[in-house]
Amino acid sequence: QFNDTRDNYLYQQRRLATLKRSQASDERLQ
């Protein structure tokens, strides 16, 4: 259970960083 919690926490960090990079690129193009 703890490993699943830790993996989810790391995934959410990477997901947020990816979305922010995508948003910045889209913002420039838009």
Full PDB file with SEQRES, HELIX, SHEET, SSBOND, CRYST1, ORIGX, SCALE, CONECT and MASTER records, all heavy atoms in Angstrom:
SEQRES   1 A   30  GLN PHE ASN ASP THR ARG ASP ASN TYR LEU TYR GLN GLN          
SEQRES   2 A   30  ARG ARG LEU ALA THR LEU LYS ARG SER GLN ALA SER ASP          
SEQRES   3 A   30  GLU ARG LEU GLN                                              
HELIX    1 AA1 PHE A    2  LEU A   29  1                                  28    
CRYST1    1.000    1.000    1.000  90.00  90.00  90.00 P 1           1          
ORIGX1      1.000000  0.000000  0.000000        0.00000                         
ORIGX2      0.000000  1.000000  0.000000        0.00000                         
ORIGX3      0.000000  0.000000  1.000000        0.00000                         
SCALE1      1.000000  0.000000  0.000000        0.00000                         
SCALE2      0.000000  1.000000  0.000000        0.00000                         
SCALE3      0.000000  0.000000  1.000000        0.00000                         
ATOM      1  N   GLN A   1       0.837  -1.212   0.000  1.00  0.00           N  
ATOM      2  CA  GLN A   1       0.000   0.000   0.000  1.00  0.00           C  
ATOM      3  C   GLN A   1       0.872   1.263   0.000  1.00  0.00           C  
ATOM      4  O   GLN A   1       0.593   2.219  -0.707  1.00  0.00           O  
ATOM      5  CB  GLN A   1      -0.921  -0.005   1.241  1.00  0.00           C  
ATOM      6  CG  GLN A   1      -1.822   1.205   1.302  1.00  0.00           C  
ATOM      7  CD  GLN A   1      -2.745   1.175   2.515  1.00  0.00           C  
ATOM      8  OE1 GLN A   1      -2.867   0.133   3.218  1.00  0.00           O  
ATOM      9  NE2 GLN A   1      -3.417   2.300   2.766  1.00  0.00           N  
ATOM     10  N   PHE A   2       1.944   1.220   0.792  1.00  0.00           N  
ATOM     11  CA  PHE A   2       2.811   2.397   0.854  1.00  0.00           C  
ATOM     12  C   PHE A   2       3.520   2.641  -0.481  1.00  0.00           C  
ATOM     13  O   PHE A   2       3.686   3.782  -0.933  1.00  0.00           O  
ATOM     14  CB  PHE A   2       3.821   2.242   1.979  1.00  0.00           C  
ATOM     15  CG  PHE A   2       4.802   3.394   2.063  1.00  0.00           C  
ATOM     16  CD1 PHE A   2       4.378   4.652   2.501  1.00  0.00           C  
ATOM     17  CD2 PHE A   2       6.127   3.222   1.677  1.00  0.00           C  
ATOM     18  CE1 PHE A   2       5.284   5.700   2.553  1.00  0.00           C  
ATOM     19  CE2 PHE A   2       7.005   4.273   1.735  1.00  0.00           C  
ATOM     20  CZ  PHE A   2       6.602   5.540   2.181  1.00  0.00           C  
ATOM     21  N   ASN A   3       3.949   1.495  -1.118  1.00  0.00           N  
ATOM     22  CA  ASN A   3       4.592   1.634  -2.427  1.00  0.00           C  
ATOM     23  C   ASN A   3       3.627   2.225  -3.453  1.00  0.00           C  
ATOM     24  O   ASN A   3       4.004   3.067  -4.302  1.00  0.00           O  
ATOM     25  CB  ASN A   3       5.118   0.278  -2.897  1.00  0.00           C  
ATOM     26  CG  ASN A   3       6.305  -0.202  -2.078  1.00  0.00           C  
ATOM     27  OD1 ASN A   3       7.035   0.614  -1.482  1.00  0.00           O  
ATOM     28  ND2 ASN A   3       6.511  -1.513  -1.994  1.00  0.00           N  
ATOM     29  N   ASP A   4       2.366   1.783  -3.439  1.00  0.00           N  
ATOM     30  CA  ASP A   4       1.376   2.359  -4.373  1.00  0.00           C  
ATOM     31  C   ASP A   4       1.180   3.856  -4.109  1.00  0.00           C  
ATOM     32  O   ASP A   4       1.062   4.678  -5.048  1.00  0.00           O  
ATOM     33  CB  ASP A   4       0.044   1.614  -4.239  1.00  0.00           C  
ATOM     34  CG  ASP A   4       0.122   0.177  -4.732  1.00  0.00           C  
ATOM     35  OD1 ASP A   4       1.081  -0.114  -5.502  1.00  0.00           O  
ATOM     36  OD2 ASP A   4      -0.757  -0.610  -4.372  1.00  0.00           O  
ATOM     37  N   THR A   5       1.157   4.198  -2.815  1.00  0.00           N  
ATOM     38  CA  THR A   5       0.985   5.634  -2.477  1.00  0.00           C  
ATOM     39  C   THR A   5       2.165   6.460  -2.969  1.00  0.00           C  
ATOM     40  O   THR A   5       2.019   7.552  -3.507  1.00  0.00           O  
ATOM     41  CB  THR A   5       0.811   5.788  -0.969  1.00  0.00           C  
ATOM     42  OG1 THR A   5      -0.344   5.045  -0.533  1.00  0.00           O  
ATOM     43  CG2 THR A   5       0.658   7.248  -0.575  1.00  0.00           C  
ATOM     44  N   ARG A   6       3.402   5.905  -2.760  1.00  0.00           N  
ATOM     45  CA  ARG A   6       4.587   6.634  -3.205  1.00  0.00           C  
ATOM     46  C   ARG A   6       4.620   6.762  -4.724  1.00  0.00           C  
ATOM     47  O   ARG A   6       4.945   7.830  -5.285  1.00  0.00           O  
ATOM     48  CB  ARG A   6       5.817   5.900  -2.692  1.00  0.00           C  
ATOM     49  CG  ARG A   6       7.129   6.612  -3.035  1.00  0.00           C  
ATOM     50  CD  ARG A   6       8.294   5.793  -2.541  1.00  0.00           C  
ATOM     51  NE  ARG A   6       8.245   4.454  -3.151  1.00  0.00           N  
ATOM     52  CZ  ARG A   6       9.033   3.437  -2.779  1.00  0.00           C  
ATOM     53  NH1 ARG A   6       9.886   3.591  -1.767  1.00  0.00           N  
ATOM     54  NH2 ARG A   6       8.941   2.253  -3.356  1.00  0.00           N  
ATOM     55  N   ASP A   7       4.283   5.680  -5.428  1.00  0.00           N  
ATOM     56  CA  ASP A   7       4.297   5.742  -6.910  1.00  0.00           C  
ATOM     57  C   ASP A   7       3.271   6.752  -7.429  1.00  0.00           C  
ATOM     58  O   ASP A   7       3.528   7.487  -8.392  1.00  0.00           O  
ATOM     59  CB  ASP A   7       4.007   4.345  -7.470  1.00  0.00           C  
ATOM     60  CG  ASP A   7       5.140   3.348  -7.197  1.00  0.00           C  
ATOM     61  OD1 ASP A   7       6.265   3.836  -6.904  1.00  0.00           O  
ATOM     62  OD2 ASP A   7       4.895   2.147  -7.293  1.00  0.00           O  
ATOM     63  N   ASN A   8       2.130   6.804  -6.825  1.00  0.00           N  
ATOM     64  CA  ASN A   8       1.105   7.764  -7.251  1.00  0.00           C  
ATOM     65  C   ASN A   8       1.576   9.209  -7.024  1.00  0.00           C  
ATOM     66  O   ASN A   8       1.336  10.105  -7.850  1.00  0.00           O  
ATOM     67  CB  ASN A   8      -0.192   7.488  -6.479  1.00  0.00           C  
ATOM     68  CG  ASN A   8      -1.314   8.421  -6.918  1.00  0.00           C  
ATOM     69  OD1 ASN A   8      -1.616   8.537  -8.111  1.00  0.00           O  
ATOM     70  ND2 ASN A   8      -1.936   9.093  -5.951  1.00  0.00           N  
ATOM     71  N   TYR A   9       2.268   9.403  -5.876  1.00  0.00           N  
ATOM     72  CA  TYR A   9       2.776  10.751  -5.573  1.00  0.00           C  
ATOM     73  C   TYR A   9       3.803  11.188  -6.623  1.00  0.00           C  
ATOM     74  O   TYR A   9       3.768  12.334  -7.138  1.00  0.00           O  
ATOM     75  CB  TYR A   9       3.363  10.736  -4.179  1.00  0.00           C  
ATOM     76  CG  TYR A   9       4.053  12.032  -3.789  1.00  0.00           C  
ATOM     77  CD1 TYR A   9       3.393  13.257  -3.905  1.00  0.00           C  
ATOM     78  CD2 TYR A   9       5.369  12.018  -3.308  1.00  0.00           C  
ATOM     79  CE1 TYR A   9       4.030  14.430  -3.539  1.00  0.00           C  
ATOM     80  CE2 TYR A   9       5.994  13.183  -2.948  1.00  0.00           C  
ATOM     81  CZ  TYR A   9       5.336  14.416  -3.076  1.00  0.00           C  
ATOM     82  OH  TYR A   9       5.948  15.580  -2.739  1.00  0.00           O  
ATOM     83  N   LEU A  10       4.713  10.254  -6.974  1.00  0.00           N  
ATOM     84  CA  LEU A  10       5.724  10.591  -7.995  1.00  0.00           C  
ATOM     85  C   LEU A  10       5.065  10.822  -9.357  1.00  0.00           C  
ATOM     86  O   LEU A  10       5.468  11.704 -10.128  1.00  0.00           O  
ATOM     87  CB  LEU A  10       6.768   9.470  -8.074  1.00  0.00           C  
ATOM     88  CG  LEU A  10       7.639   9.274  -6.811  1.00  0.00           C  
ATOM     89  CD1 LEU A  10       8.550   8.051  -6.975  1.00  0.00           C  
ATOM     90  CD2 LEU A  10       8.444  10.531  -6.521  1.00  0.00           C  
ATOM     91  N   TYR A  11       4.085  10.002  -9.679  1.00  0.00           N  
ATOM     92  CA  TYR A  11       3.375  10.164 -10.961  1.00  0.00           C  
ATOM     93  C   TYR A  11       2.688  11.530 -11.053  1.00  0.00           C  
ATOM     94  O   TYR A  11       2.748  12.220 -12.088  1.00  0.00           O  
ATOM     95  CB  TYR A  11       2.364   9.042 -11.116  1.00  0.00           C  
ATOM     96  CG  TYR A  11       1.349   9.306 -12.222  1.00  0.00           C  
ATOM     97  CD1 TYR A  11       1.698   9.200 -13.571  1.00  0.00           C  
ATOM     98  CD2 TYR A  11       0.033   9.670 -11.890  1.00  0.00           C  
ATOM     99  CE1 TYR A  11       0.754   9.452 -14.555  1.00  0.00           C  
ATOM    100  CE2 TYR A  11      -0.902   9.934 -12.880  1.00  0.00           C  
ATOM    101  CZ  TYR A  11      -0.528   9.831 -14.214  1.00  0.00           C  
ATOM    102  OH  TYR A  11      -1.456  10.095 -15.194  1.00  0.00           O  
ATOM    103  N   GLN A  12       2.036  11.923  -9.971  1.00  0.00           N  
ATOM    104  CA  GLN A  12       1.348  13.219  -9.999  1.00  0.00           C  
ATOM    105  C   GLN A  12       2.338  14.383 -10.144  1.00  0.00           C  
ATOM    106  O   GLN A  12       2.031  15.389 -10.800  1.00  0.00           O  
ATOM    107  CB  GLN A  12       0.526  13.384  -8.706  1.00  0.00           C  
ATOM    108  CG  GLN A  12      -0.630  12.404  -8.547  1.00  0.00           C  
ATOM    109  CD  GLN A  12      -1.666  12.541  -9.678  1.00  0.00           C  
ATOM    110  OE1 GLN A  12      -1.778  13.588 -10.312  1.00  0.00           O  
ATOM    111  NE2 GLN A  12      -2.414  11.461  -9.916  1.00  0.00           N  
ATOM    112  N   GLN A  13       3.546  14.238  -9.574  1.00  0.00           N  
ATOM    113  CA  GLN A  13       4.555  15.267  -9.766  1.00  0.00           C  
ATOM    114  C   GLN A  13       4.950  15.391 -11.244  1.00  0.00           C  
ATOM    115  O   GLN A  13       5.024  16.490 -11.806  1.00  0.00           O  
ATOM    116  CB  GLN A  13       5.787  14.946  -8.900  1.00  0.00           C  
ATOM    117  CG  GLN A  13       5.579  15.177  -7.396  1.00  0.00           C  
ATOM    118  CD  GLN A  13       6.829  14.854  -6.617  1.00  0.00           C  
ATOM    119  OE1 GLN A  13       7.659  14.026  -7.044  1.00  0.00           O  
ATOM    120  NE2 GLN A  13       6.960  15.458  -5.427  1.00  0.00           N  
ATOM    121  N   ARG A  14       5.253  14.189 -11.830  1.00  0.00           N  
ATOM    122  CA  ARG A  14       5.653  14.208 -13.251  1.00  0.00           C  
ATOM    123  C   ARG A  14       4.500  14.670 -14.134  1.00  0.00           C  
ATOM    124  O   ARG A  14       4.699  15.404 -15.121  1.00  0.00           O  
ATOM    125  CB  ARG A  14       6.133  12.820 -13.667  1.00  0.00           C  
ATOM    126  CG  ARG A  14       7.456  12.422 -13.015  1.00  0.00           C  
ATOM    127  CD  ARG A  14       8.040  11.193 -13.701  1.00  0.00           C  
ATOM    128  NE  ARG A  14       7.167  10.030 -13.527  1.00  0.00           N  
ATOM    129  CZ  ARG A  14       7.255   9.173 -12.523  1.00  0.00           C  
ATOM    130  NH1 ARG A  14       8.169   9.353 -11.567  1.00  0.00           N  
ATOM    131  NH2 ARG A  14       6.457   8.135 -12.447  1.00  0.00           N  
ATOM    132  N   ARG A  15       3.288  14.273 -13.821  1.00  0.00           N  
ATOM    133  CA  ARG A  15       2.121  14.667 -14.635  1.00  0.00           C  
ATOM    134  C   ARG A  15       1.928  16.171 -14.601  1.00  0.00           C  
ATOM    135  O   ARG A  15       1.682  16.812 -15.637  1.00  0.00           O  
ATOM    136  CB  ARG A  15       0.889  13.950 -14.101  1.00  0.00           C  
ATOM    137  CG  ARG A  15      -0.417  14.350 -14.785  1.00  0.00           C  
ATOM    138  CD  ARG A  15      -1.531  13.401 -14.363  1.00  0.00           C  
ATOM    139  NE  ARG A  15      -2.816  13.864 -14.841  1.00  0.00           N  
ATOM    140  CZ  ARG A  15      -3.690  14.588 -14.158  1.00  0.00           C  
ATOM    141  NH1 ARG A  15      -3.390  14.894 -12.883  1.00  0.00           N  
ATOM    142  NH2 ARG A  15      -4.833  14.959 -14.673  1.00  0.00           N  
ATOM    143  N   LEU A  16       2.051  16.790 -13.410  1.00  0.00           N  
ATOM    144  CA  LEU A  16       1.878  18.238 -13.307  1.00  0.00           C  
ATOM    145  C   LEU A  16       2.973  18.984 -14.078  1.00  0.00           C  
ATOM    146  O   LEU A  16       2.700  19.980 -14.770  1.00  0.00           O  
ATOM    147  CB  LEU A  16       1.881  18.650 -11.835  1.00  0.00           C  
ATOM    148  CG  LEU A  16       1.743  20.155 -11.564  1.00  0.00           C  
ATOM    149  CD1 LEU A  16       0.423  20.690 -12.145  1.00  0.00           C  
ATOM    150  CD2 LEU A  16       1.836  20.450 -10.067  1.00  0.00           C  
ATOM    151  N   ALA A  17       4.201  18.506 -13.992  1.00  0.00           N  
ATOM    152  CA  ALA A  17       5.309  19.149 -14.716  1.00  0.00           C  
ATOM    153  C   ALA A  17       5.083  19.060 -16.222  1.00  0.00           C  
ATOM    154  O   ALA A  17       5.320  20.021 -16.974  1.00  0.00           O  
ATOM    155  CB  ALA A  17       6.631  18.498 -14.313  1.00  0.00           C  
ATOM    156  N   THR A  18       4.610  17.855 -16.665  1.00  0.00           N  
ATOM    157  CA  THR A  18       4.362  17.690 -18.107  1.00  0.00           C  
ATOM    158  C   THR A  18       3.243  18.626 -18.578  1.00  0.00           C  
ATOM    159  O   THR A  18       3.338  19.261 -19.646  1.00  0.00           O  
ATOM    160  CB  THR A  18       4.005  16.227 -18.409  1.00  0.00           C  
ATOM    161  OG1 THR A  18       5.075  15.379 -17.993  1.00  0.00           O  
ATOM    162  CG2 THR A  18       3.744  16.037 -19.893  1.00  0.00           C  
ATOM    163  N   LEU A  19       2.176  18.717 -17.803  1.00  0.00           N  
ATOM    164  CA  LEU A  19       1.072  19.600 -18.189  1.00  0.00           C  
ATOM    165  C   LEU A  19       1.501  21.070 -18.240  1.00  0.00           C  
ATOM    166  O   LEU A  19       1.077  21.831 -19.124  1.00  0.00           O  
ATOM    167  CB  LEU A  19      -0.087  19.415 -17.199  1.00  0.00           C  
ATOM    168  CG  LEU A  19      -0.882  18.111 -17.320  1.00  0.00           C  
ATOM    169  CD1 LEU A  19      -1.923  18.021 -16.200  1.00  0.00           C  
ATOM    170  CD2 LEU A  19      -1.560  18.027 -18.681  1.00  0.00           C  
ATOM    171  N   LYS A  20       2.356  21.463 -17.289  1.00  0.00           N  
ATOM    172  CA  LYS A  20       2.822  22.854 -17.300  1.00  0.00           C  
ATOM    173  C   LYS A  20       3.676  23.153 -18.535  1.00  0.00           C  
ATOM    174  O   LYS A  20       3.553  24.213 -19.151  1.00  0.00           O  
ATOM    175  CB  LYS A  20       3.612  23.136 -16.028  1.00  0.00           C  
ATOM    176  CG  LYS A  20       2.730  23.255 -14.779  1.00  0.00           C  
ATOM    177  CD  LYS A  20       3.565  23.623 -13.570  1.00  0.00           C  
ATOM    178  CE  LYS A  20       2.664  23.834 -12.342  1.00  0.00           C  
ATOM    179  NZ  LYS A  20       3.452  24.185 -11.130  1.00  0.00           N  
ATOM    180  N   ARG A  21       4.563  22.177 -18.922  1.00  0.00           N  
ATOM    181  CA  ARG A  21       5.364  22.383 -20.135  1.00  0.00           C  
ATOM    182  C   ARG A  21       4.468  22.445 -21.365  1.00  0.00           C  
ATOM    183  O   ARG A  21       4.651  23.283 -22.257  1.00  0.00           O  
ATOM    184  CB  ARG A  21       6.397  21.279 -20.273  1.00  0.00           C  
ATOM    185  CG  ARG A  21       7.530  21.355 -19.262  1.00  0.00           C  
ATOM    186  CD  ARG A  21       8.700  20.470 -19.703  1.00  0.00           C  
ATOM    187  NE  ARG A  21       8.292  19.070 -19.802  1.00  0.00           N  
ATOM    188  CZ  ARG A  21       8.359  18.190 -18.796  1.00  0.00           C  
ATOM    189  NH1 ARG A  21       8.815  18.596 -17.602  1.00  0.00           N  
ATOM    190  NH2 ARG A  21       7.991  16.944 -18.970  1.00  0.00           N  
ATOM    191  N   SER A  22       3.472  21.552 -21.405  1.00  0.00           N  
ATOM    192  CA  SER A  22       2.549  21.557 -22.539  1.00  0.00           C  
ATOM    193  C   SER A  22       1.743  22.849 -22.592  1.00  0.00           C  
ATOM    194  O   SER A  22       1.516  23.430 -23.656  1.00  0.00           O  
ATOM    195  CB  SER A  22       1.624  20.346 -22.436  1.00  0.00           C  
ATOM    196  OG  SER A  22       0.654  20.367 -23.478  1.00  0.00           O  
ATOM    197  N   GLN A  23       1.323  23.311 -21.420  1.00  0.00           N  
ATOM    198  CA  GLN A  23       0.556  24.560 -21.381  1.00  0.00           C  
ATOM    199  C   GLN A  23       1.411  25.742 -21.850  1.00  0.00           C  
ATOM    200  O   GLN A  23       0.934  26.597 -22.597  1.00  0.00           O  
ATOM    201  CB  GLN A  23       0.048  24.812 -19.968  1.00  0.00           C  
ATOM    202  CG  GLN A  23      -0.828  26.060 -19.882  1.00  0.00           C  
ATOM    203  CD  GLN A  23      -1.096  26.471 -18.449  1.00  0.00           C  
ATOM    204  OE1 GLN A  23      -0.243  26.290 -17.581  1.00  0.00           O  
ATOM    205  NE2 GLN A  23      -2.284  27.015 -18.208  1.00  0.00           N  
ATOM    206  N   ALA A  24       2.677  25.809 -21.449  1.00  0.00           N  
ATOM    207  CA  ALA A  24       3.557  26.905 -21.871  1.00  0.00           C  
ATOM    208  C   ALA A  24       3.756  26.895 -23.395  1.00  0.00           C  
ATOM    209  O   ALA A  24       3.721  27.935 -24.062  1.00  0.00           O  
ATOM    210  CB  ALA A  24       4.896  26.800 -21.149  1.00  0.00           C  
ATOM    211  N   SER A  25       3.964  25.682 -23.953  1.00  0.00           N  
ATOM    212  CA  SER A  25       4.137  25.581 -25.403  1.00  0.00           C  
ATOM    213  C   SER A  25       2.858  25.980 -26.131  1.00  0.00           C  
ATOM    214  O   SER A  25       2.882  26.741 -27.110  1.00  0.00           O  
ATOM    215  CB  SER A  25       4.541  24.146 -25.769  1.00  0.00           C  
ATOM    216  OG  SER A  25       4.639  24.013 -27.177  1.00  0.00           O  
ATOM    217  N   ASP A  26       1.720  25.464 -25.638  1.00  0.00           N  
ATOM    218  CA  ASP A  26       0.449  25.828 -26.261  1.00  0.00           C  
ATOM    219  C   ASP A  26       0.182  27.339 -26.140  1.00  0.00           C  
ATOM    220  O   ASP A  26      -0.373  27.957 -27.061  1.00  0.00           O  
ATOM    221  CB  ASP A  26      -0.692  25.042 -25.622  1.00  0.00           C  
ATOM    222  CG  ASP A  26      -0.646  23.560 -25.979  1.00  0.00           C  
ATOM    223  OD1 ASP A  26       0.093  23.224 -26.940  1.00  0.00           O  
ATOM    224  OD2 ASP A  26      -1.325  22.766 -25.295  1.00  0.00           O  
ATOM    225  N   GLU A  27       0.563  27.916 -24.998  1.00  0.00           N  
ATOM    226  CA  GLU A  27       0.333  29.352 -24.792  1.00  0.00           C  
ATOM    227  C   GLU A  27       1.098  30.188 -25.813  1.00  0.00           C  
ATOM    228  O   GLU A  27       0.568  31.156 -26.365  1.00  0.00           O  
ATOM    229  CB  GLU A  27       0.746  29.727 -23.374  1.00  0.00           C  
ATOM    230  CG  GLU A  27       0.482  31.175 -23.013  1.00  0.00           C  
ATOM    231  CD  GLU A  27      -0.998  31.498 -22.962  1.00  0.00           C  
ATOM    232  OE1 GLU A  27      -1.815  30.558 -22.769  1.00  0.00           O  
ATOM    233  OE2 GLU A  27      -1.349  32.671 -23.138  1.00  0.00           O  
ATOM    234  N   ARG A  28       2.363  29.764 -26.071  1.00  0.00           N  
ATOM    235  CA  ARG A  28       3.132  30.503 -27.069  1.00  0.00           C  
ATOM    236  C   ARG A  28       2.499  30.393 -28.457  1.00  0.00           C  
ATOM    237  O   ARG A  28       2.345  31.388 -29.176  1.00  0.00           O  
ATOM    238  CB  ARG A  28       4.568  29.984 -27.102  1.00  0.00           C  
ATOM    239  CG  ARG A  28       5.386  30.369 -25.876  1.00  0.00           C  
ATOM    240  CD  ARG A  28       6.880  30.106 -26.125  1.00  0.00           C  
ATOM    241  NE  ARG A  28       7.141  28.693 -26.408  1.00  0.00           N  
ATOM    242  CZ  ARG A  28       7.418  27.782 -25.476  1.00  0.00           C  
ATOM    243  NH1 ARG A  28       7.456  28.140 -24.197  1.00  0.00           N  
ATOM    244  NH2 ARG A  28       7.665  26.532 -25.809  1.00  0.00           N  
ATOM    245  N   LEU A  29       2.136  29.176 -28.818  1.00  0.00           N  
ATOM    246  CA  LEU A  29       1.540  28.985 -30.147  1.00  0.00           C  
ATOM    247  C   LEU A  29       0.193  29.687 -30.251  1.00  0.00           C  
ATOM    248  O   LEU A  29      -0.116  30.331 -31.259  1.00  0.00           O  
ATOM    249  CB  LEU A  29       1.380  27.484 -30.426  1.00  0.00           C  
ATOM    250  CG  LEU A  29       2.683  26.679 -30.578  1.00  0.00           C  
ATOM    251  CD1 LEU A  29       2.369  25.198 -30.761  1.00  0.00           C  
ATOM    252  CD2 LEU A  29       3.484  27.189 -31.759  1.00  0.00           C  
ATOM    253  N   GLN A  30      -0.615  29.570 -29.211  1.00  0.00           N  
ATOM    254  CA  GLN A  30      -1.938  30.188 -29.244  1.00  0.00           C  
ATOM    255  C   GLN A  30      -1.839  31.715 -29.281  1.00  0.00           C  
ATOM    256  O   GLN A  30      -2.590  32.378 -30.001  1.00  0.00           O  
ATOM    257  CB  GLN A  30      -2.749  29.727 -28.021  1.00  0.00           C  
ATOM    258  CG  GLN A  30      -3.140  28.260 -28.069  1.00  0.00           C  
ATOM    259  CD  GLN A  30      -3.759  27.796 -26.779  1.00  0.00           C  
ATOM    260  OE1 GLN A  30      -3.907  28.551 -25.827  1.00  0.00           O  
ATOM    261  NE2 GLN A  30      -4.110  26.513 -26.727  1.00  0.00           N  
TER     262      GLN A  30                                                      
MASTER        0    0    0    1    0    0    0    6  261    1    0    3          
END                                                                             
